[in-house]
Amino acid sequence: MRPSANIIPLALVGLVVTGVVGFLVAIIAISWFSNPPFGLGNAPPQPIEFPHTVHAGTVEEGGVGISCEFCHRNVTEGAAATVPAVEQCVFCHKQINPENLVVSSTANQAQMQLVVDKFNDDAPIDWERVHRIPDHVRFVHEAHIRFLTEGQARTVAMPVGDGQPRQLPLTTQQACSVCHGDVASMTEVQPTQGQSLKMGTCVDCHRELNVGTDCTICHK
């Protein structure tokens, strides 16, 4: 008996569906146990360029040397680090050049004009989030910053960042870099390469530092 003409197309559809499902399962598995592969973990494009190398970089390297908490003011006080309002950006740049907010290059002037336009329109800058944790996870920046920047001098092993022992207390910028990497050297902020901020990493760090691991500490 001659096989139906629909058998081959159906078989191809089945193979395609199986391949797509298998690919998605592999992506989810790799992302769950490590970091998103194939460039999927890259930061999204921002509405306005903000080179941290200029703002937070050292004076010796051409930066201004602004501390992390100057812009992310809630990082030492609450759960979220927060980002500055448009008014703060404009205020700072007016201090640099009150007449026309000129900065170092034509390209930067164009970017700064976008900030001024937002200010004049009384509109916020919709920054795209780079670092994200699930909604059911509670991460209080203040508690972690306080642990790393206060107390007596001591050396601790930390299974985050480069995994090397650290001499505490740290500066706020050094404390931020434990999880976020050396942001001051990034023109465009990216998720820390090789850094896994999965549940296992958090639990390992808490255990290493003799901090509670009860579910209610991190989960709402």
N, C-alpha and C. Protein backbone atom coordinates (compact mmCIF):
# COMPACT_ATOMS: atom_id res chain seq x y z
N MET A 1 0.85 -1.20 0.00
CA MET A 1 0.00 0.00 0.00
C MET A 1 0.88 1.24 0.00
N ARG A 2 0.52 2.20 -0.78
CA ARG A 2 1.31 3.44 -0.89
C ARG A 2 1.10 4.30 0.36
N PRO A 3 2.19 4.74 0.99
CA PRO A 3 2.04 5.56 2.20
C PRO A 3 1.37 6.88 1.88
N SER A 4 0.65 7.40 2.87
CA SER A 4 -0.05 8.67 2.70
C SER A 4 0.95 9.79 2.46
N ALA A 5 0.56 10.76 1.65
CA ALA A 5 1.43 11.90 1.34
C ALA A 5 1.63 12.81 2.53
N ASN A 6 0.77 12.65 3.57
CA ASN A 6 0.86 13.53 4.73
C ASN A 6 1.86 13.03 5.77
N ILE A 7 2.36 11.78 5.60
CA ILE A 7 3.25 11.21 6.61
C ILE A 7 4.56 11.99 6.71
N ILE A 8 5.18 12.29 5.57
CA ILE A 8 6.48 12.99 5.59
C ILE A 8 6.37 14.39 6.18
N PRO A 9 5.40 15.21 5.73
CA PRO A 9 5.26 16.53 6.35
C PRO A 9 5.03 16.47 7.85
N LEU A 10 4.19 15.52 8.32
CA LEU A 10 3.93 15.40 9.74
C LEU A 10 5.18 14.99 10.50
N ALA A 11 5.97 14.13 9.87
CA ALA A 11 7.22 13.71 10.50
C ALA A 11 8.18 14.88 10.64
N LEU A 12 8.24 15.72 9.60
CA LEU A 12 9.11 16.89 9.65
C LEU A 12 8.65 17.87 10.73
N VAL A 13 7.35 18.06 10.81
CA VAL A 13 6.82 18.95 11.85
C VAL A 13 7.17 18.42 13.23
N GLY A 14 7.06 17.12 13.40
CA GLY A 14 7.41 16.52 14.69
C GLY A 14 8.87 16.74 15.04
N LEU A 15 9.74 16.58 14.04
CA LEU A 15 11.17 16.80 14.29
C LEU A 15 11.46 18.25 14.65
N VAL A 16 10.82 19.16 13.94
CA VAL A 16 11.03 20.59 14.21
C VAL A 16 10.56 20.93 15.62
N VAL A 17 9.37 20.47 15.98
CA VAL A 17 8.83 20.74 17.32
C VAL A 17 9.74 20.15 18.38
N THR A 18 10.20 18.92 18.16
CA THR A 18 11.09 18.27 19.12
C THR A 18 12.39 19.05 19.26
N GLY A 19 12.93 19.53 18.14
CA GLY A 19 14.16 20.30 18.19
C GLY A 19 14.01 21.61 18.93
N VAL A 20 12.90 22.31 18.65
CA VAL A 20 12.65 23.59 19.32
C VAL A 20 12.48 23.39 20.82
N VAL A 21 11.68 22.39 21.20
CA VAL A 21 11.45 22.12 22.62
C VAL A 21 12.76 21.72 23.30
N GLY A 22 13.55 20.89 22.64
CA GLY A 22 14.83 20.48 23.21
C GLY A 22 15.77 21.66 23.40
N PHE A 23 15.78 22.56 22.41
CA PHE A 23 16.63 23.75 22.51
C PHE A 23 16.20 24.62 23.70
N LEU A 24 14.90 24.83 23.84
CA LEU A 24 14.40 25.66 24.94
C LEU A 24 14.70 25.02 26.29
N VAL A 25 14.56 23.70 26.39
CA VAL A 25 14.87 23.01 27.63
C VAL A 25 16.34 23.17 27.98
N ALA A 26 17.20 23.07 26.96
CA ALA A 26 18.65 23.22 27.19
C ALA A 26 18.97 24.63 27.67
N ILE A 27 18.35 25.64 27.06
CA ILE A 27 18.58 27.02 27.46
C ILE A 27 18.17 27.24 28.91
N ILE A 28 16.98 26.73 29.26
CA ILE A 28 16.49 26.90 30.62
C ILE A 28 17.39 26.19 31.62
N ALA A 29 17.83 24.98 31.27
CA ALA A 29 18.69 24.22 32.18
C ALA A 29 20.02 24.91 32.40
N ILE A 30 20.64 25.39 31.31
CA ILE A 30 21.93 26.07 31.44
C ILE A 30 21.77 27.36 32.23
N SER A 31 20.70 28.10 31.97
CA SER A 31 20.47 29.36 32.68
C SER A 31 20.21 29.13 34.16
N TRP A 32 19.54 28.02 34.48
CA TRP A 32 19.22 27.73 35.87
C TRP A 32 20.46 27.38 36.67
N PHE A 33 21.35 26.58 36.08
CA PHE A 33 22.50 26.11 36.82
C PHE A 33 23.73 27.01 36.67
N SER A 34 23.72 27.91 35.70
CA SER A 34 24.87 28.82 35.56
C SER A 34 24.36 30.18 35.16
N ASN A 35 24.77 30.66 33.99
CA ASN A 35 24.32 31.95 33.47
C ASN A 35 23.75 31.76 32.08
N PRO A 36 22.87 32.66 31.61
CA PRO A 36 22.29 32.51 30.27
C PRO A 36 23.37 32.41 29.21
N PRO A 37 23.28 31.44 28.30
CA PRO A 37 24.31 31.23 27.27
C PRO A 37 24.06 32.05 26.01
N PHE A 38 24.99 31.96 25.10
CA PHE A 38 24.85 32.50 23.75
C PHE A 38 24.56 34.01 23.74
N GLY A 39 25.10 34.73 24.73
CA GLY A 39 24.90 36.17 24.76
C GLY A 39 23.57 36.61 25.30
N LEU A 40 22.72 35.65 25.74
CA LEU A 40 21.40 36.02 26.24
C LEU A 40 21.48 36.74 27.58
N GLY A 41 22.64 36.68 28.23
CA GLY A 41 22.79 37.34 29.52
C GLY A 41 23.32 38.75 29.40
N ASN A 42 23.46 39.27 28.18
CA ASN A 42 23.96 40.62 28.01
C ASN A 42 22.94 41.64 28.49
N ALA A 43 23.44 42.79 28.91
CA ALA A 43 22.56 43.85 29.39
C ALA A 43 21.75 44.43 28.23
N PRO A 44 20.52 44.85 28.50
CA PRO A 44 19.71 45.47 27.45
C PRO A 44 20.23 46.86 27.13
N PRO A 45 19.96 47.38 25.94
CA PRO A 45 20.39 48.74 25.60
C PRO A 45 19.67 49.76 26.47
N GLN A 46 20.38 50.82 26.86
CA GLN A 46 19.81 51.85 27.71
C GLN A 46 19.31 53.02 26.86
N PRO A 47 18.32 53.75 27.36
CA PRO A 47 17.79 54.89 26.59
C PRO A 47 18.80 56.02 26.44
N ILE A 48 19.74 56.13 27.40
CA ILE A 48 20.77 57.16 27.37
C ILE A 48 22.07 56.53 27.84
N GLU A 49 23.15 56.84 27.17
CA GLU A 49 24.44 56.28 27.57
C GLU A 49 24.86 56.84 28.93
N PHE A 50 25.37 55.96 29.78
CA PHE A 50 25.89 56.40 31.07
C PHE A 50 27.20 55.64 31.32
N PRO A 51 28.32 56.18 30.87
CA PRO A 51 29.60 55.49 31.06
C PRO A 51 30.08 55.58 32.50
N HIS A 52 30.06 54.47 33.19
CA HIS A 52 30.54 54.46 34.57
C HIS A 52 32.04 54.74 34.64
N THR A 53 32.76 54.48 33.56
CA THR A 53 34.19 54.79 33.54
C THR A 53 34.43 56.27 33.75
N VAL A 54 33.52 57.10 33.25
CA VAL A 54 33.65 58.55 33.40
C VAL A 54 33.17 58.99 34.78
N HIS A 55 32.05 58.48 35.21
CA HIS A 55 31.45 58.94 36.45
C HIS A 55 32.11 58.31 37.69
N ALA A 56 32.31 57.01 37.68
CA ALA A 56 32.84 56.32 38.86
C ALA A 56 34.30 55.94 38.73
N GLY A 57 34.87 56.06 37.53
CA GLY A 57 36.27 55.72 37.33
C GLY A 57 37.19 56.65 38.10
N THR A 58 38.40 56.21 38.35
CA THR A 58 39.35 57.00 39.11
C THR A 58 39.82 58.20 38.30
N VAL A 59 40.26 59.23 39.01
CA VAL A 59 40.76 60.44 38.36
C VAL A 59 41.99 60.10 37.52
N GLU A 60 42.81 59.19 38.00
CA GLU A 60 44.02 58.80 37.28
C GLU A 60 43.69 58.18 35.93
N GLU A 61 42.51 57.55 35.83
CA GLU A 61 42.11 56.89 34.59
C GLU A 61 41.11 57.73 33.79
N GLY A 62 41.00 59.00 34.13
CA GLY A 62 40.13 59.89 33.37
C GLY A 62 38.71 60.00 33.87
N GLY A 63 38.43 59.42 35.03
CA GLY A 63 37.09 59.49 35.59
C GLY A 63 36.96 60.61 36.60
N VAL A 64 35.76 60.70 37.18
CA VAL A 64 35.49 61.72 38.19
C VAL A 64 35.61 61.16 39.60
N GLY A 65 35.49 59.85 39.72
CA GLY A 65 35.65 59.21 41.03
C GLY A 65 34.45 59.34 41.94
N ILE A 66 33.25 59.40 41.37
CA ILE A 66 32.03 59.49 42.19
C ILE A 66 31.78 58.14 42.87
N SER A 67 31.46 58.17 44.14
CA SER A 67 31.20 56.93 44.88
C SER A 67 29.85 56.35 44.49
N CYS A 68 29.70 55.05 44.67
CA CYS A 68 28.47 54.37 44.28
C CYS A 68 27.25 54.97 44.98
N GLU A 69 27.38 55.23 46.29
CA GLU A 69 26.22 55.67 47.05
C GLU A 69 25.81 57.11 46.77
N PHE A 70 26.64 57.86 46.06
CA PHE A 70 26.25 59.22 45.70
C PHE A 70 25.05 59.20 44.75
N CYS A 71 25.06 58.26 43.82
CA CYS A 71 23.93 58.12 42.88
C CYS A 71 22.91 57.09 43.37
N HIS A 72 23.41 55.95 43.84
CA HIS A 72 22.52 54.89 44.33
C HIS A 72 22.35 55.09 45.84
N ARG A 73 21.64 56.13 46.20
CA ARG A 73 21.64 56.63 47.58
C ARG A 73 20.96 55.71 48.58
N ASN A 74 20.08 54.86 48.13
CA ASN A 74 19.36 53.99 49.06
C ASN A 74 20.12 52.71 49.36
N VAL A 75 21.28 52.52 48.73
CA VAL A 75 21.99 51.25 48.85
C VAL A 75 22.47 51.01 50.29
N THR A 76 22.72 52.06 51.04
CA THR A 76 23.16 51.89 52.43
C THR A 76 22.02 52.08 53.42
N GLU A 77 20.80 52.22 52.89
CA GLU A 77 19.67 52.52 53.78
C GLU A 77 18.49 51.58 53.63
N GLY A 78 18.36 50.91 52.49
CA GLY A 78 17.17 50.11 52.26
C GLY A 78 17.43 48.88 51.42
N ALA A 79 16.34 48.30 50.92
CA ALA A 79 16.44 47.06 50.15
C ALA A 79 17.00 47.31 48.76
N ALA A 80 16.41 48.28 48.04
CA ALA A 80 16.84 48.56 46.67
C ALA A 80 17.90 49.65 46.66
N ALA A 81 18.82 49.56 45.68
CA ALA A 81 19.88 50.56 45.58
C ALA A 81 19.34 51.89 45.06
N THR A 82 18.35 51.84 44.19
CA THR A 82 17.69 52.97 43.52
C THR A 82 18.64 53.69 42.56
N VAL A 83 18.05 54.43 41.63
CA VAL A 83 18.81 55.23 40.66
C VAL A 83 18.45 56.70 40.86
N PRO A 84 19.34 57.61 40.49
CA PRO A 84 19.08 59.03 40.75
C PRO A 84 17.98 59.59 39.86
N ALA A 85 17.34 60.63 40.34
CA ALA A 85 16.33 61.33 39.56
C ALA A 85 17.02 62.17 38.49
N VAL A 86 16.26 62.53 37.46
CA VAL A 86 16.79 63.35 36.37
C VAL A 86 17.34 64.67 36.93
N GLU A 87 16.67 65.20 37.94
CA GLU A 87 17.09 66.47 38.53
C GLU A 87 18.52 66.40 39.06
N GLN A 88 18.89 65.24 39.62
CA GLN A 88 20.24 65.11 40.16
C GLN A 88 21.28 65.12 39.04
N CYS A 89 20.96 64.46 37.93
CA CYS A 89 21.89 64.44 36.79
C CYS A 89 22.11 65.86 36.27
N VAL A 90 21.01 66.59 36.09
CA VAL A 90 21.10 67.96 35.55
C VAL A 90 21.84 68.87 36.53
N PHE A 91 21.56 68.72 37.81
CA PHE A 91 22.22 69.55 38.82
C PHE A 91 23.74 69.36 38.76
N CYS A 92 24.18 68.09 38.68
CA CYS A 92 25.62 67.82 38.64
C CYS A 92 26.26 68.43 37.40
N HIS A 93 25.64 68.26 36.27
CA HIS A 93 26.23 68.76 35.04
C HIS A 93 26.19 70.29 34.96
N LYS A 94 25.24 70.91 35.62
CA LYS A 94 25.24 72.36 35.68
C LYS A 94 26.43 72.86 36.50
N GLN A 95 26.82 72.09 37.49
CA GLN A 95 27.98 72.47 38.28
C GLN A 95 29.26 72.34 37.45
N ILE A 96 29.27 71.38 36.51
CA ILE A 96 30.43 71.20 35.64
C ILE A 96 30.53 72.38 34.67
N ASN A 97 29.39 72.75 34.07
CA ASN A 97 29.37 73.87 33.13
C ASN A 97 27.98 74.50 33.17
N PRO A 98 27.78 75.52 33.99
CA PRO A 98 26.45 76.09 34.17
C PRO A 98 25.84 76.68 32.90
N GLU A 99 26.66 77.08 31.93
CA GLU A 99 26.11 77.78 30.76
C GLU A 99 25.35 76.85 29.82
N ASN A 100 25.97 75.77 29.42
CA ASN A 100 25.31 74.95 28.40
C ASN A 100 25.49 73.44 28.60
N LEU A 101 25.93 73.04 29.77
CA LEU A 101 26.08 71.62 30.08
C LEU A 101 27.02 70.90 29.13
N VAL A 102 27.99 71.60 28.57
CA VAL A 102 28.93 70.97 27.65
C VAL A 102 29.77 69.94 28.39
N VAL A 103 29.96 68.79 27.76
CA VAL A 103 30.82 67.76 28.31
C VAL A 103 31.94 67.47 27.32
N SER A 104 32.61 66.36 27.48
CA SER A 104 33.91 66.18 26.83
C SER A 104 33.87 65.99 25.32
N SER A 105 32.76 65.57 24.74
CA SER A 105 32.74 65.31 23.30
C SER A 105 31.37 65.61 22.73
N THR A 106 31.31 65.72 21.40
CA THR A 106 30.04 65.99 20.73
C THR A 106 29.03 64.88 21.01
N ALA A 107 29.51 63.63 20.99
CA ALA A 107 28.62 62.50 21.26
C ALA A 107 28.04 62.59 22.66
N ASN A 108 28.89 62.94 23.64
CA ASN A 108 28.41 63.07 25.01
C ASN A 108 27.45 64.25 25.16
N GLN A 109 27.68 65.30 24.41
CA GLN A 109 26.77 66.44 24.44
C GLN A 109 25.38 66.02 23.97
N ALA A 110 25.33 65.20 22.92
CA ALA A 110 24.05 64.73 22.41
C ALA A 110 23.33 63.88 23.46
N GLN A 111 24.08 63.05 24.16
CA GLN A 111 23.48 62.21 25.20
C GLN A 111 22.99 63.07 26.36
N MET A 112 23.79 64.08 26.71
CA MET A 112 23.39 64.96 27.80
C MET A 112 22.16 65.77 27.44
N GLN A 113 22.02 66.09 26.16
CA GLN A 113 20.83 66.83 25.73
C GLN A 113 19.58 65.99 25.94
N LEU A 114 19.70 64.68 25.78
CA LEU A 114 18.57 63.79 26.05
C LEU A 114 18.15 63.89 27.50
N VAL A 115 19.13 64.00 28.39
CA VAL A 115 18.83 64.15 29.82
C VAL A 115 18.11 65.47 30.06
N VAL A 116 18.63 66.55 29.45
CA VAL A 116 18.02 67.87 29.61
C VAL A 116 16.59 67.87 29.07
N ASP A 117 16.37 67.20 27.96
CA ASP A 117 15.02 67.12 27.39
C ASP A 117 14.07 66.42 28.36
N LYS A 118 14.55 65.35 28.99
CA LYS A 118 13.72 64.65 29.97
C LYS A 118 13.38 65.58 31.14
N PHE A 119 14.39 66.35 31.56
CA PHE A 119 14.18 67.28 32.66
C PHE A 119 13.15 68.34 32.29
N ASN A 120 13.29 68.90 31.09
CA ASN A 120 12.36 69.94 30.65
C ASN A 120 10.94 69.41 30.47
N ASP A 121 10.84 68.13 30.10
CA ASP A 121 9.52 67.52 29.91
C ASP A 121 8.95 66.96 31.22
N ASP A 122 9.73 67.11 32.31
CA ASP A 122 9.32 66.58 33.61
C ASP A 122 9.01 65.08 33.50
N ALA A 123 9.90 64.38 32.80
CA ALA A 123 9.72 62.94 32.56
C ALA A 123 10.91 62.17 33.12
N PRO A 124 10.69 60.98 33.66
CA PRO A 124 11.81 60.18 34.16
C PRO A 124 12.58 59.50 33.02
N ILE A 125 13.78 59.06 33.32
CA ILE A 125 14.55 58.24 32.37
C ILE A 125 14.22 56.79 32.66
N ASP A 126 13.70 56.09 31.67
CA ASP A 126 13.31 54.69 31.87
C ASP A 126 14.51 53.78 31.66
N TRP A 127 15.38 53.73 32.68
CA TRP A 127 16.56 52.87 32.60
C TRP A 127 16.13 51.41 32.56
N GLU A 128 16.83 50.61 31.77
CA GLU A 128 16.56 49.17 31.69
C GLU A 128 17.33 48.46 32.79
N ARG A 129 16.68 47.56 33.46
CA ARG A 129 17.30 46.85 34.57
C ARG A 129 18.34 45.85 34.04
N VAL A 130 19.51 45.85 34.66
CA VAL A 130 20.60 44.94 34.25
C VAL A 130 20.61 43.70 35.12
N HIS A 131 20.53 43.88 36.43
CA HIS A 131 20.57 42.76 37.37
C HIS A 131 19.16 42.50 37.87
N ARG A 132 18.75 41.25 37.79
CA ARG A 132 17.36 40.94 38.16
C ARG A 132 17.32 39.64 38.96
N ILE A 133 16.50 39.66 40.00
CA ILE A 133 16.23 38.44 40.77
C ILE A 133 14.73 38.20 40.75
N PRO A 134 14.29 36.98 41.01
CA PRO A 134 12.85 36.68 40.97
C PRO A 134 12.07 37.55 41.97
N ASP A 135 10.80 37.78 41.66
CA ASP A 135 9.97 38.63 42.51
C ASP A 135 9.77 38.05 43.91
N HIS A 136 9.90 36.73 44.04
CA HIS A 136 9.66 36.13 45.35
C HIS A 136 10.92 36.12 46.22
N VAL A 137 12.00 36.72 45.73
CA VAL A 137 13.24 36.77 46.49
C VAL A 137 13.43 38.17 47.06
N ARG A 138 13.79 38.24 48.32
CA ARG A 138 14.05 39.51 48.98
C ARG A 138 15.56 39.66 49.19
N PHE A 139 16.14 40.72 48.61
CA PHE A 139 17.56 40.99 48.78
C PHE A 139 17.70 42.41 49.31
N VAL A 140 18.14 42.55 50.54
CA VAL A 140 18.27 43.87 51.18
C VAL A 140 19.71 44.35 51.02
N HIS A 141 19.90 45.36 50.18
CA HIS A 141 21.26 45.86 49.95
C HIS A 141 21.89 46.38 51.24
N GLU A 142 21.11 47.09 52.04
CA GLU A 142 21.65 47.72 53.24
C GLU A 142 22.33 46.71 54.15
N ALA A 143 21.69 45.57 54.36
CA ALA A 143 22.25 44.56 55.27
C ALA A 143 23.58 44.01 54.75
N HIS A 144 23.67 43.80 53.45
CA HIS A 144 24.89 43.25 52.87
C HIS A 144 26.02 44.29 52.86
N ILE A 145 25.67 45.54 52.53
CA ILE A 145 26.67 46.61 52.55
C ILE A 145 27.18 46.81 53.97
N ARG A 146 26.27 46.80 54.95
CA ARG A 146 26.68 47.00 56.35
C ARG A 146 27.62 45.89 56.80
N PHE A 147 27.33 44.65 56.44
CA PHE A 147 28.18 43.53 56.84
C PHE A 147 29.58 43.67 56.28
N LEU A 148 29.67 44.11 55.02
CA LEU A 148 30.96 44.17 54.33
C LEU A 148 31.77 45.43 54.66
N THR A 149 31.11 46.47 55.15
CA THR A 149 31.82 47.74 55.34
C THR A 149 32.00 48.13 56.81
N GLU A 150 31.43 47.36 57.73
CA GLU A 150 31.53 47.71 59.14
C GLU A 150 32.13 46.57 59.94
N GLY A 151 32.47 46.85 61.17
CA GLY A 151 33.00 45.83 62.06
C GLY A 151 34.51 45.82 62.12
N GLN A 152 35.03 44.91 62.91
CA GLN A 152 36.47 44.79 63.10
C GLN A 152 37.12 44.20 61.86
N ALA A 153 38.42 44.45 61.74
CA ALA A 153 39.17 43.89 60.62
C ALA A 153 39.19 42.37 60.72
N ARG A 154 38.86 41.72 59.61
CA ARG A 154 38.88 40.27 59.57
C ARG A 154 38.94 39.82 58.12
N THR A 155 39.38 38.58 57.93
CA THR A 155 39.46 38.00 56.59
C THR A 155 38.36 36.96 56.45
N VAL A 156 37.59 37.05 55.37
CA VAL A 156 36.50 36.10 55.16
C VAL A 156 36.61 35.49 53.77
N ALA A 157 36.20 34.23 53.68
CA ALA A 157 36.13 33.55 52.39
C ALA A 157 34.72 33.73 51.85
N MET A 158 34.61 34.14 50.59
CA MET A 158 33.30 34.41 50.02
C MET A 158 33.14 33.68 48.69
N PRO A 159 32.15 32.80 48.59
CA PRO A 159 31.94 32.05 47.34
C PRO A 159 31.20 32.86 46.29
N VAL A 160 31.46 34.15 46.21
CA VAL A 160 30.90 35.01 45.17
C VAL A 160 32.03 35.84 44.61
N GLY A 161 31.77 36.50 43.49
CA GLY A 161 32.84 37.30 42.87
C GLY A 161 33.95 36.40 42.38
N ASP A 162 35.19 36.76 42.70
CA ASP A 162 36.33 35.96 42.27
C ASP A 162 36.61 34.79 43.20
N GLY A 163 35.83 34.68 44.28
CA GLY A 163 35.98 33.56 45.19
C GLY A 163 37.17 33.66 46.11
N GLN A 164 37.92 34.75 46.04
CA GLN A 164 39.11 34.91 46.86
C GLN A 164 38.74 35.46 48.25
N PRO A 165 39.53 35.11 49.28
CA PRO A 165 39.29 35.70 50.61
C PRO A 165 39.41 37.23 50.54
N ARG A 166 38.61 37.89 51.32
CA ARG A 166 38.61 39.36 51.33
C ARG A 166 38.88 39.88 52.73
N GLN A 167 39.64 40.95 52.76
CA GLN A 167 39.95 41.59 54.02
C GLN A 167 38.89 42.65 54.31
N LEU A 168 38.09 42.42 55.33
CA LEU A 168 37.04 43.36 55.72
C LEU A 168 37.55 44.26 56.84
N PRO A 169 36.98 45.47 56.97
CA PRO A 169 35.87 46.02 56.20
C PRO A 169 36.31 46.58 54.84
N LEU A 170 35.37 46.59 53.89
CA LEU A 170 35.61 47.13 52.57
C LEU A 170 35.03 48.54 52.46
N THR A 171 35.42 49.25 51.42
CA THR A 171 34.73 50.49 51.09
C THR A 171 33.40 50.10 50.44
N THR A 172 32.48 51.06 50.33
CA THR A 172 31.19 50.76 49.71
C THR A 172 31.37 50.30 48.27
N GLN A 173 32.27 50.95 47.53
CA GLN A 173 32.49 50.56 46.14
C GLN A 173 33.04 49.15 46.05
N GLN A 174 33.95 48.79 46.94
CA GLN A 174 34.49 47.43 46.95
C GLN A 174 33.40 46.42 47.31
N ALA A 175 32.53 46.80 48.23
CA ALA A 175 31.44 45.91 48.62
C ALA A 175 30.49 45.66 47.46
N CYS A 176 30.17 46.71 46.72
CA CYS A 176 29.28 46.57 45.56
C CYS A 176 29.90 45.65 44.50
N SER A 177 31.23 45.75 44.35
CA SER A 177 31.90 44.99 43.30
C SER A 177 31.93 43.49 43.59
N VAL A 178 31.67 43.09 44.83
CA VAL A 178 31.65 41.66 45.15
C VAL A 178 30.65 40.93 44.27
N CYS A 179 29.46 41.51 44.11
CA CYS A 179 28.43 40.88 43.29
C CYS A 179 28.33 41.49 41.89
N HIS A 180 28.56 42.79 41.78
CA HIS A 180 28.34 43.49 40.51
C HIS A 180 29.59 43.59 39.65
N GLY A 181 30.75 43.20 40.18
CA GLY A 181 31.98 43.35 39.42
C GLY A 181 32.49 44.79 39.49
N ASP A 182 33.57 45.05 38.77
CA ASP A 182 34.18 46.37 38.78
C ASP A 182 33.42 47.30 37.84
N VAL A 183 32.28 47.79 38.31
CA VAL A 183 31.41 48.63 37.49
C VAL A 183 32.12 49.90 37.06
N ALA A 184 33.01 50.42 37.91
CA ALA A 184 33.71 51.66 37.59
C ALA A 184 34.54 51.55 36.32
N SER A 185 34.86 50.34 35.90
CA SER A 185 35.66 50.14 34.70
C SER A 185 34.80 49.77 33.49
N MET A 186 33.47 49.84 33.64
CA MET A 186 32.56 49.45 32.57
C MET A 186 31.97 50.69 31.88
N THR A 187 32.17 50.76 30.58
CA THR A 187 31.50 51.82 29.82
C THR A 187 30.01 51.54 29.76
N GLU A 188 29.66 50.30 29.56
CA GLU A 188 28.27 49.85 29.59
C GLU A 188 28.16 48.73 30.60
N VAL A 189 27.33 48.92 31.60
CA VAL A 189 27.23 47.94 32.67
C VAL A 189 26.67 46.63 32.14
N GLN A 190 27.36 45.54 32.45
CA GLN A 190 26.95 44.22 32.03
C GLN A 190 26.86 43.31 33.25
N PRO A 191 26.03 42.27 33.18
CA PRO A 191 26.07 41.27 34.25
C PRO A 191 27.48 40.73 34.39
N THR A 192 27.92 40.53 35.61
CA THR A 192 29.29 40.09 35.85
C THR A 192 29.57 38.77 35.17
N GLN A 193 30.59 38.73 34.31
CA GLN A 193 30.94 37.52 33.61
C GLN A 193 31.40 36.44 34.58
N GLY A 194 30.83 35.25 34.44
CA GLY A 194 31.23 34.14 35.30
C GLY A 194 30.61 34.18 36.68
N GLN A 195 29.84 35.22 36.98
CA GLN A 195 29.24 35.34 38.30
C GLN A 195 27.85 34.71 38.28
N SER A 196 27.63 33.77 39.16
CA SER A 196 26.35 33.11 39.27
C SER A 196 25.66 33.59 40.54
N LEU A 197 24.52 34.24 40.38
CA LEU A 197 23.77 34.70 41.54
C LEU A 197 22.53 33.84 41.73
N LYS A 198 22.75 32.54 41.68
CA LYS A 198 21.67 31.60 41.87
C LYS A 198 21.46 31.36 43.36
N MET A 199 20.42 30.65 43.70
CA MET A 199 20.10 30.37 45.09
C MET A 199 21.25 29.66 45.79
N GLY A 200 21.88 28.72 45.09
CA GLY A 200 22.98 27.98 45.70
C GLY A 200 24.13 28.89 46.09
N THR A 201 24.39 29.91 45.28
CA THR A 201 25.47 30.85 45.59
C THR A 201 25.16 31.61 46.87
N CYS A 202 23.92 32.08 46.98
CA CYS A 202 23.51 32.82 48.18
C CYS A 202 23.59 31.94 49.43
N VAL A 203 23.10 30.70 49.32
CA VAL A 203 23.12 29.79 50.46
C VAL A 203 24.56 29.47 50.86
N ASP A 204 25.43 29.22 49.87
CA ASP A 204 26.84 28.93 50.18
C ASP A 204 27.49 30.09 50.90
N CYS A 205 27.19 31.32 50.45
CA CYS A 205 27.78 32.50 51.07
C CYS A 205 27.29 32.65 52.51
N HIS A 206 26.00 32.46 52.72
CA HIS A 206 25.45 32.56 54.07
C HIS A 206 26.07 31.52 55.00
N ARG A 207 26.22 30.31 54.51
CA ARG A 207 26.80 29.26 55.34
C ARG A 207 28.26 29.56 55.67
N GLU A 208 29.00 30.04 54.65
CA GLU A 208 30.41 30.34 54.85
C GLU A 208 30.61 31.44 55.88
N LEU A 209 29.67 32.40 55.90
CA LEU A 209 29.80 33.54 56.79
C LEU A 209 28.95 33.40 58.05
N ASN A 210 28.45 32.18 58.27
CA ASN A 210 27.67 31.88 59.47
C ASN A 210 26.44 32.78 59.61
N VAL A 211 25.75 32.96 58.49
CA VAL A 211 24.50 33.73 58.46
C VAL A 211 23.36 32.73 58.28
N GLY A 212 22.20 33.05 58.84
CA GLY A 212 21.06 32.14 58.77
C GLY A 212 20.67 31.79 57.35
N THR A 213 20.16 30.58 57.18
CA THR A 213 19.70 30.12 55.86
C THR A 213 18.23 29.74 55.90
N ASP A 214 17.52 30.22 56.88
CA ASP A 214 16.08 29.96 56.94
C ASP A 214 15.41 30.55 55.70
N CYS A 215 14.42 29.86 55.17
CA CYS A 215 13.76 30.28 53.93
C CYS A 215 13.22 31.70 54.01
N THR A 216 12.70 32.07 55.19
CA THR A 216 12.05 33.37 55.33
C THR A 216 13.03 34.54 55.29
N ILE A 217 14.31 34.27 55.39
CA ILE A 217 15.31 35.34 55.32
C ILE A 217 15.34 35.95 53.93
N CYS A 218 15.24 35.11 52.92
CA CYS A 218 15.37 35.59 51.52
C CYS A 218 14.06 35.53 50.73
N HIS A 219 13.08 34.78 51.23
CA HIS A 219 11.85 34.61 50.47
C HIS A 219 10.68 35.26 51.18
N LYS A 220 9.85 35.91 50.37
CA LYS A 220 8.71 36.64 50.91
C LYS A 220 7.61 35.68 51.33
